[in-house]
N, C-alpha and C. Protein backbone atom coordinates (compact mmCIF):
# COMPACT_ATOMS: atom_id res chain seq x y z
N GLN A 1 2.29 9.08 33.72
CA GLN A 1 2.60 9.07 35.14
C GLN A 1 1.70 8.06 35.85
N VAL A 2 2.30 7.25 36.69
CA VAL A 2 1.56 6.23 37.40
C VAL A 2 0.87 6.85 38.60
N GLN A 3 -0.40 6.54 38.77
CA GLN A 3 -1.13 7.00 39.95
C GLN A 3 -1.91 5.84 40.54
N LEU A 4 -2.02 5.85 41.86
CA LEU A 4 -2.76 4.82 42.58
C LEU A 4 -3.85 5.50 43.40
N VAL A 5 -5.07 4.98 43.31
CA VAL A 5 -6.18 5.54 44.05
C VAL A 5 -6.86 4.43 44.85
N GLU A 6 -6.83 4.59 46.17
CA GLU A 6 -7.44 3.60 47.05
C GLU A 6 -8.86 4.00 47.43
N SER A 7 -9.66 3.01 47.74
CA SER A 7 -11.01 3.25 48.24
C SER A 7 -11.45 2.04 49.05
N GLY A 8 -12.55 2.22 49.79
CA GLY A 8 -13.12 1.09 50.51
C GLY A 8 -12.93 1.11 52.01
N GLY A 9 -12.17 2.05 52.50
CA GLY A 9 -11.98 2.12 53.94
C GLY A 9 -13.24 2.58 54.66
N GLY A 10 -13.19 2.53 55.98
CA GLY A 10 -14.35 2.97 56.75
C GLY A 10 -14.31 2.47 58.17
N LEU A 11 -15.44 2.59 58.83
CA LEU A 11 -15.59 2.17 60.22
C LEU A 11 -16.31 0.82 60.24
N VAL A 12 -15.77 -0.11 60.98
CA VAL A 12 -16.35 -1.45 61.05
C VAL A 12 -16.19 -1.99 62.46
N GLN A 13 -17.11 -2.83 62.87
CA GLN A 13 -17.03 -3.44 64.19
C GLN A 13 -16.07 -4.63 64.17
N PRO A 14 -15.53 -4.98 65.32
CA PRO A 14 -14.67 -6.17 65.38
C PRO A 14 -15.41 -7.39 64.84
N GLY A 15 -14.69 -8.18 64.05
CA GLY A 15 -15.30 -9.34 63.42
C GLY A 15 -15.89 -9.06 62.07
N GLY A 16 -15.97 -7.79 61.71
CA GLY A 16 -16.56 -7.41 60.44
C GLY A 16 -15.58 -7.52 59.29
N SER A 17 -16.05 -7.11 58.11
CA SER A 17 -15.26 -7.21 56.88
C SER A 17 -15.28 -5.90 56.10
N LEU A 18 -14.22 -5.69 55.35
CA LEU A 18 -14.12 -4.59 54.41
C LEU A 18 -13.33 -5.07 53.22
N ARG A 19 -13.59 -4.46 52.07
CA ARG A 19 -12.77 -4.73 50.89
C ARG A 19 -12.20 -3.42 50.37
N LEU A 20 -10.88 -3.36 50.34
CA LEU A 20 -10.19 -2.20 49.82
C LEU A 20 -9.87 -2.42 48.34
N SER A 21 -9.90 -1.32 47.58
CA SER A 21 -9.55 -1.38 46.17
C SER A 21 -8.44 -0.38 45.89
N CYS A 22 -7.57 -0.75 44.98
CA CYS A 22 -6.48 0.13 44.54
C CYS A 22 -6.49 0.12 43.01
N VAL A 23 -6.88 1.23 42.43
CA VAL A 23 -6.91 1.35 40.98
C VAL A 23 -5.63 2.03 40.51
N VAL A 24 -4.96 1.40 39.56
CA VAL A 24 -3.67 1.89 39.07
C VAL A 24 -3.80 2.39 37.65
N SER A 25 -3.33 3.60 37.42
CA SER A 25 -3.32 4.13 36.05
C SER A 25 -2.02 3.72 35.39
N GLY A 26 -2.08 3.40 34.09
CA GLY A 26 -0.87 3.06 33.37
C GLY A 26 -0.68 1.58 33.13
N SER A 27 -0.07 1.27 31.99
CA SER A 27 0.12 -0.12 31.59
C SER A 27 1.18 -0.83 32.44
N ILE A 28 1.95 -0.09 33.22
CA ILE A 28 2.97 -0.70 34.06
C ILE A 28 2.36 -1.67 35.06
N PHE A 29 1.07 -1.50 35.31
CA PHE A 29 0.40 -2.36 36.29
C PHE A 29 0.65 -3.83 35.99
N ARG A 30 0.61 -4.19 34.72
CA ARG A 30 0.67 -5.61 34.35
C ARG A 30 2.02 -6.26 34.68
N VAL A 31 3.04 -5.48 34.85
CA VAL A 31 4.37 -6.06 35.11
C VAL A 31 4.85 -5.81 36.53
N ALA A 32 4.08 -5.07 37.29
CA ALA A 32 4.56 -4.62 38.59
C ALA A 32 3.98 -5.45 39.75
N THR A 33 4.69 -5.39 40.86
CA THR A 33 4.20 -5.93 42.12
C THR A 33 3.42 -4.84 42.84
N VAL A 34 2.30 -5.21 43.39
CA VAL A 34 1.47 -4.25 44.13
C VAL A 34 1.27 -4.77 45.54
N GLY A 35 1.44 -3.88 46.49
CA GLY A 35 1.29 -4.27 47.88
C GLY A 35 0.41 -3.32 48.65
N TRP A 36 -0.14 -3.84 49.73
CA TRP A 36 -0.87 -3.02 50.70
C TRP A 36 -0.02 -2.89 51.95
N PHE A 37 0.18 -1.66 52.39
CA PHE A 37 0.87 -1.37 53.62
C PHE A 37 -0.10 -0.68 54.57
N ARG A 38 0.24 -0.68 55.83
CA ARG A 38 -0.60 0.05 56.79
C ARG A 38 0.27 0.66 57.88
N GLN A 39 -0.26 1.73 58.44
CA GLN A 39 0.39 2.37 59.57
C GLN A 39 -0.67 2.74 60.59
N GLY A 40 -0.60 2.06 61.72
CA GLY A 40 -1.54 2.34 62.80
C GLY A 40 -1.05 3.45 63.70
N PRO A 41 -1.90 3.92 64.60
CA PRO A 41 -1.52 5.00 65.52
C PRO A 41 -0.30 4.62 66.35
N GLY A 42 0.75 5.42 66.26
CA GLY A 42 1.95 5.17 67.05
C GLY A 42 2.77 3.97 66.60
N LYS A 43 2.48 3.47 65.40
CA LYS A 43 3.18 2.27 64.93
C LYS A 43 3.99 2.58 63.67
N GLU A 44 4.93 1.69 63.38
CA GLU A 44 5.68 1.78 62.13
C GLU A 44 4.82 1.28 60.97
N ARG A 45 5.13 1.77 59.79
CA ARG A 45 4.46 1.25 58.61
C ARG A 45 4.88 -0.19 58.40
N GLU A 46 3.92 -1.04 58.03
CA GLU A 46 4.23 -2.44 57.81
C GLU A 46 3.55 -2.95 56.55
N LEU A 47 4.20 -3.92 55.94
CA LEU A 47 3.62 -4.57 54.76
C LEU A 47 2.53 -5.52 55.22
N VAL A 48 1.36 -5.42 54.63
CA VAL A 48 0.25 -6.29 54.97
C VAL A 48 0.18 -7.47 54.01
N ALA A 49 0.24 -7.16 52.72
CA ALA A 49 0.15 -8.21 51.70
C ALA A 49 0.65 -7.65 50.39
N ARG A 50 1.14 -8.55 49.52
CA ARG A 50 1.55 -8.10 48.21
C ARG A 50 1.25 -9.19 47.19
N VAL A 51 1.11 -8.76 45.95
CA VAL A 51 0.87 -9.71 44.86
C VAL A 51 1.76 -9.33 43.69
N THR A 52 2.47 -10.30 43.15
CA THR A 52 3.35 -10.04 42.02
C THR A 52 2.55 -10.02 40.72
N ASN A 53 3.22 -9.65 39.63
CA ASN A 53 2.55 -9.64 38.34
C ASN A 53 2.14 -11.05 37.92
N ALA A 54 2.80 -12.06 38.49
CA ALA A 54 2.47 -13.45 38.19
C ALA A 54 1.38 -13.99 39.10
N GLY A 55 0.92 -13.16 40.02
CA GLY A 55 -0.15 -13.59 40.91
C GLY A 55 0.30 -14.28 42.17
N VAL A 56 1.60 -14.23 42.45
CA VAL A 56 2.11 -14.83 43.68
C VAL A 56 1.84 -13.88 44.84
N THR A 57 1.28 -14.41 45.90
CA THR A 57 0.89 -13.57 47.03
C THR A 57 1.72 -13.88 48.27
N SER A 58 1.83 -12.89 49.14
CA SER A 58 2.47 -13.09 50.43
C SER A 58 1.76 -12.18 51.43
N TYR A 59 1.82 -12.59 52.72
CA TYR A 59 1.07 -11.90 53.77
C TYR A 59 1.91 -11.74 55.03
N ALA A 60 1.60 -10.71 55.77
CA ALA A 60 2.14 -10.59 57.12
C ALA A 60 1.51 -11.67 57.98
N ASP A 61 2.26 -12.16 58.95
CA ASP A 61 1.75 -13.22 59.82
C ASP A 61 0.47 -12.78 60.53
N SER A 62 0.38 -11.51 60.84
CA SER A 62 -0.74 -11.00 61.62
C SER A 62 -2.07 -11.04 60.86
N VAL A 63 -2.01 -11.19 59.54
CA VAL A 63 -3.25 -11.16 58.76
C VAL A 63 -3.50 -12.47 58.01
N LYS A 64 -2.58 -13.40 58.08
CA LYS A 64 -2.75 -14.67 57.37
C LYS A 64 -4.03 -15.37 57.82
N GLY A 65 -4.78 -15.84 56.84
CA GLY A 65 -6.04 -16.51 57.14
C GLY A 65 -7.22 -15.57 57.28
N ARG A 66 -6.96 -14.26 57.35
CA ARG A 66 -8.05 -13.29 57.49
C ARG A 66 -8.14 -12.37 56.29
N PHE A 67 -7.00 -12.01 55.71
CA PHE A 67 -6.96 -11.09 54.58
C PHE A 67 -6.61 -11.84 53.30
N THR A 68 -7.15 -11.39 52.19
CA THR A 68 -6.83 -11.96 50.89
C THR A 68 -6.57 -10.84 49.90
N ILE A 69 -5.42 -10.90 49.25
CA ILE A 69 -5.08 -9.93 48.22
C ILE A 69 -5.30 -10.58 46.85
N SER A 70 -5.81 -9.80 45.92
CA SER A 70 -6.02 -10.31 44.58
C SER A 70 -5.87 -9.17 43.58
N ARG A 71 -5.67 -9.52 42.32
CA ARG A 71 -5.54 -8.49 41.30
C ARG A 71 -6.38 -8.85 40.09
N ASP A 72 -6.92 -7.82 39.46
CA ASP A 72 -7.70 -7.97 38.23
C ASP A 72 -6.98 -7.15 37.17
N ASN A 73 -6.22 -7.82 36.32
CA ASN A 73 -5.42 -7.11 35.33
C ASN A 73 -6.29 -6.40 34.29
N ALA A 74 -7.49 -6.89 34.08
CA ALA A 74 -8.39 -6.24 33.11
C ALA A 74 -8.88 -4.89 33.62
N LYS A 75 -8.89 -4.75 34.95
CA LYS A 75 -9.38 -3.50 35.55
C LYS A 75 -8.26 -2.69 36.18
N ASN A 76 -7.01 -3.16 36.04
CA ASN A 76 -5.88 -2.46 36.68
C ASN A 76 -6.14 -2.21 38.16
N THR A 77 -6.64 -3.21 38.83
CA THR A 77 -7.07 -3.05 40.21
C THR A 77 -6.55 -4.18 41.08
N VAL A 78 -6.14 -3.83 42.29
CA VAL A 78 -5.77 -4.79 43.31
C VAL A 78 -6.75 -4.63 44.47
N TYR A 79 -7.20 -5.75 44.99
CA TYR A 79 -8.15 -5.75 46.10
C TYR A 79 -7.50 -6.32 47.36
N LEU A 80 -7.99 -5.86 48.49
CA LEU A 80 -7.62 -6.47 49.76
C LEU A 80 -8.91 -6.76 50.50
N GLN A 81 -9.27 -8.03 50.54
CA GLN A 81 -10.44 -8.46 51.28
C GLN A 81 -10.02 -8.71 52.72
N MET A 82 -10.64 -8.01 53.64
CA MET A 82 -10.27 -8.11 55.05
C MET A 82 -11.45 -8.65 55.83
N ASN A 83 -11.27 -9.82 56.42
CA ASN A 83 -12.31 -10.46 57.23
C ASN A 83 -11.84 -10.58 58.67
N SER A 84 -12.79 -10.85 59.55
CA SER A 84 -12.49 -11.03 60.97
C SER A 84 -11.62 -9.90 61.50
N LEU A 85 -12.01 -8.70 61.21
CA LEU A 85 -11.19 -7.54 61.59
C LEU A 85 -11.09 -7.38 63.10
N LYS A 86 -9.92 -6.92 63.52
CA LYS A 86 -9.62 -6.74 64.94
C LYS A 86 -9.30 -5.28 65.22
N PHE A 87 -9.33 -4.91 66.48
CA PHE A 87 -8.98 -3.53 66.86
C PHE A 87 -7.60 -3.17 66.30
N ASP A 88 -6.66 -4.11 66.36
CA ASP A 88 -5.29 -3.84 65.93
C ASP A 88 -5.16 -3.62 64.43
N ASP A 89 -6.21 -3.89 63.67
CA ASP A 89 -6.17 -3.64 62.24
C ASP A 89 -6.44 -2.17 61.90
N THR A 90 -6.80 -1.40 62.90
CA THR A 90 -7.03 0.03 62.68
C THR A 90 -5.76 0.70 62.18
N ALA A 91 -5.85 1.36 61.04
CA ALA A 91 -4.68 1.97 60.43
C ALA A 91 -5.08 2.71 59.16
N VAL A 92 -4.14 3.48 58.66
CA VAL A 92 -4.26 4.00 57.30
C VAL A 92 -3.62 2.97 56.37
N TYR A 93 -4.39 2.52 55.40
CA TYR A 93 -3.91 1.51 54.47
C TYR A 93 -3.54 2.18 53.15
N CYS A 94 -2.32 1.91 52.71
CA CYS A 94 -1.82 2.52 51.47
C CYS A 94 -1.43 1.44 50.48
N CYS A 95 -1.68 1.73 49.25
CA CYS A 95 -1.33 0.85 48.15
C CYS A 95 0.02 1.30 47.57
N ASN A 96 0.85 0.33 47.20
CA ASN A 96 2.17 0.63 46.65
C ASN A 96 2.42 -0.20 45.40
N LEU A 97 2.95 0.44 44.38
CA LEU A 97 3.34 -0.26 43.16
C LEU A 97 4.85 -0.20 43.02
N TYR A 98 5.45 -1.34 42.74
CA TYR A 98 6.91 -1.42 42.63
C TYR A 98 7.29 -2.23 41.41
N TRP A 99 8.18 -1.63 40.61
CA TRP A 99 8.73 -2.34 39.44
C TRP A 99 10.22 -2.11 39.43
N GLU A 100 10.96 -3.16 39.75
CA GLU A 100 12.39 -3.04 39.99
C GLU A 100 13.20 -2.56 38.79
N PRO A 101 12.95 -3.03 37.56
CA PRO A 101 13.83 -2.66 36.44
C PRO A 101 14.02 -1.16 36.26
N ALA A 102 12.99 -0.40 36.53
CA ALA A 102 13.10 1.05 36.37
C ALA A 102 13.01 1.76 37.71
N SER A 103 13.14 1.01 38.79
CA SER A 103 13.06 1.57 40.15
C SER A 103 11.79 2.41 40.33
N VAL A 104 10.71 1.92 39.79
CA VAL A 104 9.43 2.60 39.96
C VAL A 104 8.84 2.21 41.31
N ASN A 105 8.54 3.20 42.10
CA ASN A 105 8.00 2.96 43.45
C ASN A 105 7.00 4.07 43.73
N VAL A 106 5.71 3.76 43.63
CA VAL A 106 4.66 4.76 43.71
C VAL A 106 3.66 4.40 44.80
N TRP A 107 3.22 5.43 45.53
CA TRP A 107 2.27 5.23 46.64
C TRP A 107 0.95 5.93 46.34
N GLY A 108 -0.11 5.34 46.86
CA GLY A 108 -1.40 6.00 46.85
C GLY A 108 -1.53 6.92 48.05
N GLN A 109 -2.67 7.56 48.17
CA GLN A 109 -2.86 8.55 49.24
C GLN A 109 -3.30 7.91 50.55
N GLY A 110 -3.80 6.69 50.48
CA GLY A 110 -4.20 5.98 51.68
C GLY A 110 -5.70 6.06 51.95
N THR A 111 -6.19 5.06 52.67
CA THR A 111 -7.59 5.04 53.08
C THR A 111 -7.64 4.55 54.54
N GLN A 112 -8.46 5.21 55.33
CA GLN A 112 -8.53 4.92 56.75
C GLN A 112 -9.44 3.73 57.02
N VAL A 113 -8.95 2.80 57.81
CA VAL A 113 -9.75 1.69 58.31
C VAL A 113 -9.77 1.78 59.83
N THR A 114 -10.97 1.86 60.39
CA THR A 114 -11.12 1.94 61.84
C THR A 114 -11.99 0.80 62.31
N VAL A 115 -11.44 0.01 63.21
CA VAL A 115 -12.19 -1.10 63.80
C VAL A 115 -12.55 -0.70 65.23
N SER A 116 -13.83 -0.55 65.46
CA SER A 116 -14.27 -0.05 66.76
C SER A 116 -15.67 -0.55 67.06
N SER A 117 -15.93 -0.78 68.35
CA SER A 117 -17.27 -1.19 68.75
C SER A 117 -18.07 0.02 69.22
């Protein structure tokens, strides 16, 4: 069974940085796309960034130039480096694994990121 465990959230001041980690159990990690989503207070869930098994990345316009997604296949881990954080980045950040051939779509439990002065 595939499981995703996120960590790294917390309280940070505007302009600060955090690095989120998503550890994936199971060999499916190597073939799957992994993404970070977030849902802020009163907002819809949105895709923040994703990385394919080939290492191709994509980002929401709101985080381009500030956030970087990366994956370490040796550690079954995807990272989200978040720099220049803004108040609007406050949200619960969830990791998602998706593998189309078997319609595998798994979510982690989420980690809270709060940007506040």
